Amino acid sequence: MELTASIRKELLLQWRTRAQFLAVLVFGATALLLFSFAIGPDASSLRLYSAGFLWLALLLSSTLTLAESFQSEMENRAFEGLLLLPADPRGLYYGKAIANWIQLTVLGLALVPVMVVLYDAGTLRLPALIGIILLGSAGISAPGTLYAAMAAQARAKQMLLPLLLFPLIVPVLLASVKACSLIILGDPMGQGSSWMMLLVAFDAIYWSLCGLLFERVVED
């Protein structure tokens, strides 16, 4: 019940700040456009690097959304009030992490058509592509929410969050890029499932460990 109420609260807050989400989406689309300029008009090269640029744009955009995920709680010391409630702090963490996961997934799916247009990287294996975006976004959301809680109390949270987050999620990012590349470029050796299983393993570790650490982080 606590988790359901927390998720509902977070989704409601995200809906009320949907203009901010649109701004982040424009930022991600602009990043994809700039990356395409760096490659040039070579269609084969654009297609080859499309998956990497998609996840790079999503990663950069995620820092904007994650950094603001605790903004409303930090105003008027509302976060301290939430911690005083007779409820498990992990419910607050998982509520925010799931809401961030949904938002990052929607953002990633919204950037796919931009990638297809700019990089000529269309594919008919849409269910597999959606699955990878779900798994990769989960791998970013779990540690990203934890580090956002840590950085929320710092003045330079926009700078501190990427410094903490990026080194930790390198394995998730590499696995996501490789799996997406195999979907777009072809997977004659059937390696895609191995990369997806690796993403599942990382997600299980991150979501379990970060949930356990959250209470200690916010208490400190």
Protein backbone atom coordinates (compact mmCIF):
# COMPACT_ATOMS: atom_id res chain seq x y z
CA MET A 1 0.00 0.00 0.00
CA GLU A 2 2.85 2.39 0.86
CA LEU A 3 4.57 1.65 -2.44
CA THR A 4 1.35 2.17 -4.40
CA ALA A 5 0.74 5.53 -2.73
CA SER A 6 4.35 6.58 -3.37
CA ILE A 7 4.18 5.66 -7.07
CA ARG A 8 0.85 7.47 -7.44
CA LYS A 9 2.30 10.60 -5.82
CA GLU A 10 5.36 10.56 -8.07
CA LEU A 11 3.39 10.02 -11.26
CA LEU A 12 1.05 12.85 -10.29
CA LEU A 13 4.03 15.17 -9.74
CA GLN A 14 5.49 14.19 -13.09
CA TRP A 15 2.18 14.88 -14.79
CA ARG A 16 2.00 18.32 -13.24
CA THR A 17 5.55 19.08 -14.47
CA ARG A 18 5.04 17.59 -17.94
CA ALA A 19 6.33 20.81 -19.54
CA GLN A 20 9.70 19.99 -18.03
CA PHE A 21 9.56 16.54 -19.61
CA LEU A 22 8.91 18.10 -23.02
CA ALA A 23 11.94 20.34 -22.52
CA VAL A 24 14.09 17.29 -21.71
CA LEU A 25 12.73 15.52 -24.80
CA VAL A 26 13.70 18.47 -26.98
CA PHE A 27 17.14 18.40 -25.37
CA GLY A 28 17.55 14.70 -26.21
CA ALA A 29 16.37 15.20 -29.79
CA THR A 30 18.75 18.13 -30.21
CA ALA A 31 21.62 15.98 -28.90
CA LEU A 32 20.81 13.31 -31.50
CA LEU A 33 20.78 15.97 -34.21
CA LEU A 34 24.17 17.32 -33.15
CA PHE A 35 25.66 13.83 -33.00
CA SER A 36 24.50 13.19 -36.56
CA PHE A 37 26.35 16.33 -37.69
CA ALA A 38 29.53 14.90 -36.18
CA ILE A 39 29.27 11.76 -38.35
CA GLY A 40 28.40 13.54 -41.57
CA PRO A 41 26.27 12.43 -44.52
CA ASP A 42 27.62 8.84 -44.61
CA ALA A 43 24.45 6.73 -44.25
CA SER A 44 26.27 3.53 -43.32
CA SER A 45 28.22 5.24 -40.53
CA LEU A 46 25.10 6.92 -39.22
CA ARG A 47 23.32 3.59 -38.99
CA LEU A 48 26.37 1.93 -37.43
CA TYR A 49 26.58 4.41 -34.55
CA SER A 50 22.85 5.06 -34.13
CA ALA A 51 22.40 2.85 -31.06
CA GLY A 52 25.32 4.42 -29.24
CA PHE A 53 24.08 7.94 -29.90
CA LEU A 54 20.54 7.00 -28.83
CA TRP A 55 21.75 5.84 -25.43
CA LEU A 56 24.15 8.74 -25.09
CA ALA A 57 21.27 11.18 -25.68
CA LEU A 58 19.11 9.28 -23.18
CA LEU A 59 21.91 9.26 -20.63
CA LEU A 60 22.48 13.01 -20.90
CA SER A 61 18.75 13.67 -20.70
CA SER A 62 18.38 11.39 -17.68
CA THR A 63 20.63 13.60 -15.55
CA LEU A 64 18.16 16.47 -16.00
CA THR A 65 15.14 14.45 -14.90
CA LEU A 66 16.88 12.56 -12.08
CA ALA A 67 18.42 15.71 -10.61
CA GLU A 68 14.95 17.21 -10.19
CA SER A 69 13.28 14.09 -8.83
CA PHE A 70 13.76 15.19 -5.21
CA GLN A 71 13.25 18.90 -5.84
CA SER A 72 9.69 19.06 -4.55
CA GLU A 73 10.62 17.19 -1.36
CA MET A 74 13.55 19.50 -0.66
CA GLU A 75 11.33 22.58 -0.76
CA ASN A 76 10.13 23.62 2.71
CA ARG A 77 11.94 20.57 4.19
CA ALA A 78 9.15 18.24 3.06
CA PHE A 79 11.61 15.37 2.64
CA GLU A 80 12.36 15.31 6.36
CA GLY A 81 8.64 15.17 7.04
CA LEU A 82 8.29 12.13 4.80
CA LEU A 83 11.07 10.35 6.66
CA LEU A 84 9.28 10.97 9.97
CA LEU A 85 6.20 9.10 8.79
CA PRO A 86 5.72 5.57 10.22
CA ALA A 87 6.59 3.98 6.88
CA ASP A 88 9.53 2.14 5.39
CA PRO A 89 11.85 4.61 3.58
CA ARG A 90 12.36 1.97 0.91
CA GLY A 91 8.77 2.55 -0.17
CA LEU A 92 9.71 6.16 -0.93
CA TYR A 93 12.78 5.05 -2.84
CA TYR A 94 11.05 2.43 -4.95
CA GLY A 95 8.16 4.79 -5.66
CA LYS A 96 10.56 7.39 -7.03
CA ALA A 97 12.71 4.82 -8.82
CA ILE A 98 9.72 3.25 -10.59
CA ALA A 99 8.35 6.67 -11.56
CA ASN A 100 11.78 7.67 -12.90
CA TRP A 101 11.97 4.36 -14.75
CA ILE A 102 8.63 5.03 -16.44
CA GLN A 103 9.70 8.54 -17.38
CA LEU A 104 13.05 7.40 -18.81
CA THR A 105 11.35 4.62 -20.74
CA VAL A 106 8.86 7.04 -22.29
CA LEU A 107 11.74 9.39 -23.10
CA GLY A 108 13.73 6.60 -24.75
CA LEU A 109 10.75 5.44 -26.80
CA ALA A 110 10.07 9.04 -27.88
CA LEU A 111 13.68 9.40 -29.07
CA VAL A 112 13.51 6.26 -31.23
CA PRO A 113 11.57 7.91 -34.11
CA VAL A 114 14.08 10.78 -34.05
CA MET A 115 16.90 8.25 -34.33
CA VAL A 116 15.15 6.45 -37.19
CA VAL A 117 14.72 9.68 -39.17
CA LEU A 118 18.20 11.09 -38.54
CA TYR A 119 20.22 7.87 -38.75
CA ASP A 120 18.11 5.71 -41.08
CA ALA A 121 18.13 3.09 -38.33
CA GLY A 122 14.71 1.53 -38.66
CA THR A 123 13.99 -2.03 -37.52
CA LEU A 124 11.04 -4.37 -37.48
CA ARG A 125 12.09 -5.94 -34.18
CA LEU A 126 10.22 -3.35 -32.15
CA PRO A 127 9.28 -5.62 -29.18
CA ALA A 128 12.96 -6.46 -28.63
CA LEU A 129 13.93 -2.79 -28.92
CA ILE A 130 11.26 -1.79 -26.41
CA GLY A 131 12.48 -4.52 -24.06
CA ILE A 132 16.04 -3.22 -24.19
CA ILE A 133 14.89 0.34 -23.52
CA LEU A 134 12.91 -0.94 -20.52
CA LEU A 135 15.90 -2.84 -19.14
CA GLY A 136 18.42 -0.11 -19.85
CA SER A 137 16.21 2.60 -18.36
CA ALA A 138 15.77 0.47 -15.24
CA GLY A 139 19.56 0.19 -14.95
CA ILE A 140 19.86 3.98 -15.05
CA SER A 141 16.88 4.71 -12.80
CA ALA A 142 17.82 2.56 -9.79
CA PRO A 143 21.27 4.04 -9.03
CA GLY A 144 20.23 7.39 -10.48
CA THR A 145 17.44 7.76 -7.92
CA LEU A 146 19.79 6.83 -5.08
CA TYR A 147 22.46 9.30 -6.16
CA ALA A 148 19.82 11.96 -6.80
CA ALA A 149 18.83 11.66 -3.14
CA MET A 150 22.47 12.09 -2.15
CA ALA A 151 23.06 15.04 -4.46
CA ALA A 152 19.77 16.79 -3.66
CA GLN A 153 21.26 18.28 -0.51
CA ALA A 154 24.25 19.73 -2.39
CA ARG A 155 24.21 23.08 -4.12
CA ALA A 156 25.74 21.79 -7.36
CA LYS A 157 23.46 18.76 -7.74
CA GLN A 158 23.36 19.14 -11.53
CA MET A 159 27.14 18.67 -11.60
CA LEU A 160 27.51 16.17 -8.77
CA LEU A 161 24.94 13.66 -10.03
CA PRO A 162 26.68 12.85 -13.36
CA LEU A 163 30.03 12.50 -11.58
CA LEU A 164 28.56 9.91 -9.24
CA LEU A 165 26.27 8.14 -11.69
CA PHE A 166 28.17 7.78 -14.96
CA PRO A 167 31.01 5.50 -13.72
CA LEU A 168 28.54 3.12 -12.06
CA ILE A 169 26.26 2.59 -15.04
CA VAL A 170 28.98 2.02 -17.65
CA PRO A 171 28.20 -1.75 -17.79
CA VAL A 172 24.48 -1.06 -18.29
CA LEU A 173 25.21 1.50 -20.97
CA LEU A 174 27.60 -0.81 -22.85
CA ALA A 175 25.15 -3.73 -22.73
CA SER A 176 22.26 -1.52 -23.88
CA VAL A 177 24.24 -0.08 -26.78
CA LYS A 178 25.45 -3.50 -27.90
CA ALA A 179 21.98 -5.06 -27.69
CA CYS A 180 20.40 -2.17 -29.62
CA SER A 181 23.12 -2.34 -32.27
CA LEU A 182 22.45 -6.03 -32.81
CA ILE A 183 18.75 -5.30 -33.29
CA ILE A 184 19.35 -2.48 -35.76
CA LEU A 185 22.28 -3.98 -37.70
CA GLY A 186 21.32 -7.65 -37.45
CA ASP A 187 22.18 -10.49 -35.11
CA PRO A 188 23.27 -13.51 -37.17
CA MET A 189 25.06 -15.13 -34.21
CA GLY A 190 22.15 -14.70 -31.79
CA GLN A 191 24.13 -12.64 -29.27
CA GLY A 192 21.30 -10.26 -28.38
CA SER A 193 19.74 -12.54 -25.76
CA SER A 194 23.06 -12.75 -23.87
CA TRP A 195 23.30 -8.97 -23.63
CA MET A 196 19.68 -8.75 -22.48
CA MET A 197 20.32 -11.33 -19.76
CA LEU A 198 23.31 -9.27 -18.67
CA LEU A 199 21.04 -6.24 -18.39
CA VAL A 200 18.57 -8.26 -16.31
CA ALA A 201 21.40 -9.27 -13.96
CA PHE A 202 22.61 -5.69 -13.54
CA ASP A 203 19.06 -4.46 -12.95
CA ALA A 204 18.46 -7.09 -10.27
CA ILE A 205 21.67 -6.11 -8.48
CA TYR A 206 21.10 -2.37 -8.71
CA TRP A 207 17.45 -2.42 -7.65
CA SER A 208 18.14 -4.69 -4.68
CA LEU A 209 21.31 -2.99 -3.47
CA CYS A 210 20.11 0.60 -3.93
CA GLY A 211 16.89 -0.16 -2.08
CA LEU A 212 18.89 -1.47 0.87
CA LEU A 213 21.25 1.52 0.87
CA PHE A 214 18.63 4.24 0.53
CA GLU A 215 17.64 4.39 4.20
CA ARG A 216 21.28 4.77 5.27
CA VAL A 217 21.90 7.42 2.62
CA VAL A 218 18.98 9.65 3.63
CA GLU A 219 19.72 9.25 7.33
CA ASP A 220 23.26 10.50 6.81
